[in-house]
Amino acid sequence: MIAKRYKMYFALMLIIFVVFPTIAYSDVVKTVETRELEIYQSLQCSVCPNGFLERAEGELAHDLRIIIRYRIASGYSNSSIVRFMEKRYGNFLSIRPEFSIVPYISWLFLFLFVILAITAGIFYYYRLCSTAKQKASKEIDVIMKDNILYPLKHDKNSKKDSS
């Protein structure tokens, strides 16, 4: 009778100390793995173009996965891990980066600079053309005043004198 009790206590202890922890541990492992996959799918490898972090094979991707596992084991939330990674490695690490006005402003200034450069080029061209026309007209006036263009005018006067 006592041996049956010990066997029953032993079986109960075995269930409590061996079976339940492994079940609990497997649940913890599943939650850690699902959290890892969620984070991996929200980040991309900065070395591999347009690749999720979970599929990347580079050394940096491997190091990032280690950091993510360490942070999960330390008890950080998914959003704090993603924020940490973006803060440390840049916003381009995120698959869906947050909206920022800075790129739009830089593109706007680039567009305005191109428009300004084209306008300045057009004004310079018209100014160059107008100064060339003024110089040409001044030269024509000088030529006309010196009668270089119409040498026959002097000849007509000389013919009148001779007759």
Protein backbone atom coordinates (compact mmCIF):
# COMPACT_ATOMS: atom_id res chain seq x y z
CA MET A 1 0.00 0.00 0.00
CA ILE A 2 2.80 2.38 0.81
CA ALA A 3 4.57 1.45 -2.41
CA LYS A 4 1.45 2.29 -4.37
CA ARG A 5 1.32 5.69 -2.68
CA TYR A 6 4.95 6.39 -3.52
CA LYS A 7 4.34 5.37 -7.09
CA MET A 8 1.33 7.66 -7.23
CA TYR A 9 3.29 10.53 -5.66
CA PHE A 10 6.16 9.84 -8.03
CA ALA A 11 3.81 9.88 -11.03
CA LEU A 12 2.17 13.08 -9.77
CA MET A 13 5.59 14.71 -9.22
CA LEU A 14 6.71 13.56 -12.63
CA ILE A 15 3.65 15.14 -14.18
CA ILE A 16 4.04 18.37 -12.19
CA PHE A 17 7.80 18.83 -12.58
CA VAL A 18 8.48 17.34 -16.00
CA VAL A 19 5.39 17.36 -18.19
CA PHE A 20 3.90 20.74 -17.24
CA PRO A 21 7.17 22.67 -17.60
CA THR A 22 7.81 21.18 -21.02
CA ILE A 23 4.31 22.13 -22.11
CA ALA A 24 4.77 25.61 -20.66
CA TYR A 25 8.24 25.86 -22.22
CA SER A 26 6.90 24.85 -25.63
CA ASP A 27 4.23 27.56 -25.34
CA VAL A 28 6.89 30.10 -24.43
CA VAL A 29 9.06 28.99 -27.35
CA LYS A 30 6.08 29.29 -29.70
CA THR A 31 5.31 32.81 -28.50
CA VAL A 32 8.96 33.83 -28.80
CA GLU A 33 9.12 32.38 -32.30
CA THR A 34 5.93 34.14 -33.38
CA ARG A 35 7.23 37.42 -31.95
CA GLU A 36 10.51 36.93 -33.80
CA LEU A 37 8.66 36.30 -37.07
CA GLU A 38 6.48 39.39 -36.56
CA ILE A 39 9.55 41.54 -36.00
CA TYR A 40 11.47 39.93 -38.88
CA GLN A 41 8.55 40.64 -41.22
CA SER A 42 8.38 44.27 -40.17
CA LEU A 43 12.11 44.85 -40.80
CA GLN A 44 14.21 44.49 -43.93
CA CYS A 45 17.88 43.80 -44.36
CA SER A 46 19.77 46.98 -45.20
CA VAL A 47 22.33 45.01 -47.23
CA CYS A 48 19.91 42.81 -49.19
CA PRO A 49 17.67 44.89 -51.47
CA ASN A 50 13.98 44.62 -50.57
CA GLY A 51 14.37 41.41 -48.59
CA PHE A 52 12.75 40.54 -45.30
CA LEU A 53 15.10 40.08 -42.40
CA GLU A 54 13.99 36.48 -41.88
CA ARG A 55 15.11 35.45 -45.39
CA ALA A 56 18.31 37.48 -45.59
CA GLU A 57 21.58 35.59 -45.52
CA GLY A 58 24.09 38.38 -44.91
CA GLU A 59 26.23 38.76 -41.83
CA LEU A 60 24.43 41.94 -40.83
CA ALA A 61 21.07 40.17 -41.04
CA HIS A 62 22.41 37.38 -38.85
CA ASP A 63 23.65 39.91 -36.28
CA LEU A 64 20.31 41.75 -36.35
CA ARG A 65 18.45 38.49 -35.71
CA ILE A 66 20.71 37.79 -32.72
CA ILE A 67 20.02 41.26 -31.32
CA ILE A 68 16.27 40.74 -31.79
CA ARG A 69 16.37 37.37 -29.98
CA TYR A 70 18.36 38.91 -27.14
CA ARG A 71 15.90 41.79 -26.82
CA ILE A 72 12.91 39.41 -26.81
CA ALA A 73 14.58 37.29 -24.12
CA SER A 74 15.23 40.47 -22.12
CA GLY A 75 11.51 41.22 -22.11
CA TYR A 76 11.23 44.13 -24.55
CA SER A 77 8.02 44.58 -26.52
CA ASN A 78 7.88 44.24 -30.31
CA SER A 79 7.35 47.95 -30.89
CA SER A 80 10.25 48.92 -28.63
CA ILE A 81 12.53 46.44 -30.45
CA VAL A 82 11.53 47.85 -33.84
CA ARG A 83 12.02 51.44 -32.58
CA PHE A 84 15.45 50.49 -31.21
CA MET A 85 16.50 48.93 -34.52
CA GLU A 86 15.27 51.92 -36.52
CA LYS A 87 16.99 54.33 -34.17
CA ARG A 88 20.26 52.43 -34.29
CA TYR A 89 20.36 51.40 -37.96
CA GLY A 90 18.17 54.04 -39.61
CA ASN A 91 14.62 54.42 -40.86
CA PHE A 92 15.33 52.52 -44.11
CA LEU A 93 15.44 49.30 -42.05
CA SER A 94 11.67 49.41 -41.67
CA ILE A 95 9.43 47.86 -44.32
CA ARG A 96 6.84 50.60 -43.77
CA PRO A 97 8.72 53.69 -42.60
CA GLU A 98 6.85 56.42 -40.78
CA PHE A 99 5.73 59.44 -42.76
CA SER A 100 8.31 62.19 -42.81
CA ILE A 101 8.01 65.57 -44.52
CA VAL A 102 11.78 65.89 -45.04
CA PRO A 103 12.03 63.87 -48.30
CA TYR A 104 9.11 65.77 -49.80
CA ILE A 105 10.69 69.11 -48.90
CA SER A 106 14.01 68.07 -50.41
CA TRP A 107 12.29 66.98 -53.65
CA LEU A 108 10.37 70.28 -53.71
CA PHE A 109 13.59 72.29 -53.32
CA LEU A 110 15.23 70.23 -56.06
CA PHE A 111 12.30 70.93 -58.39
CA LEU A 112 12.39 74.65 -57.54
CA PHE A 113 16.15 74.75 -58.11
CA VAL A 114 15.77 73.18 -61.55
CA ILE A 115 13.01 75.67 -62.46
CA LEU A 116 15.17 78.55 -61.20
CA ALA A 117 18.19 77.32 -63.18
CA ILE A 118 16.15 77.00 -66.38
CA THR A 119 14.66 80.48 -65.87
CA ALA A 120 18.09 81.99 -65.22
CA GLY A 121 19.43 80.29 -68.35
CA ILE A 122 16.60 81.69 -70.47
CA PHE A 123 17.11 85.23 -69.11
CA TYR A 124 20.85 84.97 -69.69
CA TYR A 125 20.28 83.79 -73.26
CA TYR A 126 17.86 86.67 -74.04
CA ARG A 127 20.19 89.17 -72.43
CA LEU A 128 23.11 87.81 -74.45
CA CYS A 129 21.03 87.99 -77.64
CA SER A 130 19.87 91.56 -76.93
CA THR A 131 23.42 92.77 -76.23
CA ALA A 132 24.60 91.10 -79.43
CA LYS A 133 21.80 92.85 -81.36
CA GLN A 134 22.74 96.20 -79.78
CA LYS A 135 26.39 95.72 -80.69
CA ALA A 136 25.44 94.77 -84.23
CA SER A 137 23.17 97.79 -84.62
CA LYS A 138 25.91 100.10 -83.28
CA GLU A 139 28.38 98.62 -85.74
CA ILE A 140 25.90 99.10 -88.58
CA ASP A 141 25.39 102.72 -87.51
CA VAL A 142 29.14 103.30 -87.50
CA ILE A 143 29.47 101.69 -90.91
CA MET A 144 26.63 103.81 -92.30
CA LYS A 145 28.11 107.00 -90.84
CA ASP A 146 31.49 106.30 -92.37
CA ASN A 147 29.84 105.55 -95.71
CA ILE A 148 31.64 102.29 -95.91
CA LEU A 149 28.46 100.57 -96.89
CA TYR A 150 27.58 103.09 -99.66
CA PRO A 151 30.79 104.19 -101.37
CA LEU A 152 28.86 105.25 -104.48
CA LYS A 153 27.37 108.22 -102.63
CA HIS A 154 30.73 110.03 -102.82
CA ASP A 155 31.05 109.09 -106.46
CA LYS A 156 27.70 110.73 -107.31
CA ASN A 157 28.85 113.95 -105.66
CA SER A 158 32.09 113.84 -107.56
CA LYS A 159 30.23 113.33 -110.87
CA LYS A 160 28.11 116.39 -110.23
CA ASP A 161 31.24 118.42 -109.63
CA SER A 162 32.82 117.29 -112.86
CA SER A 163 29.87 118.14 -115.08
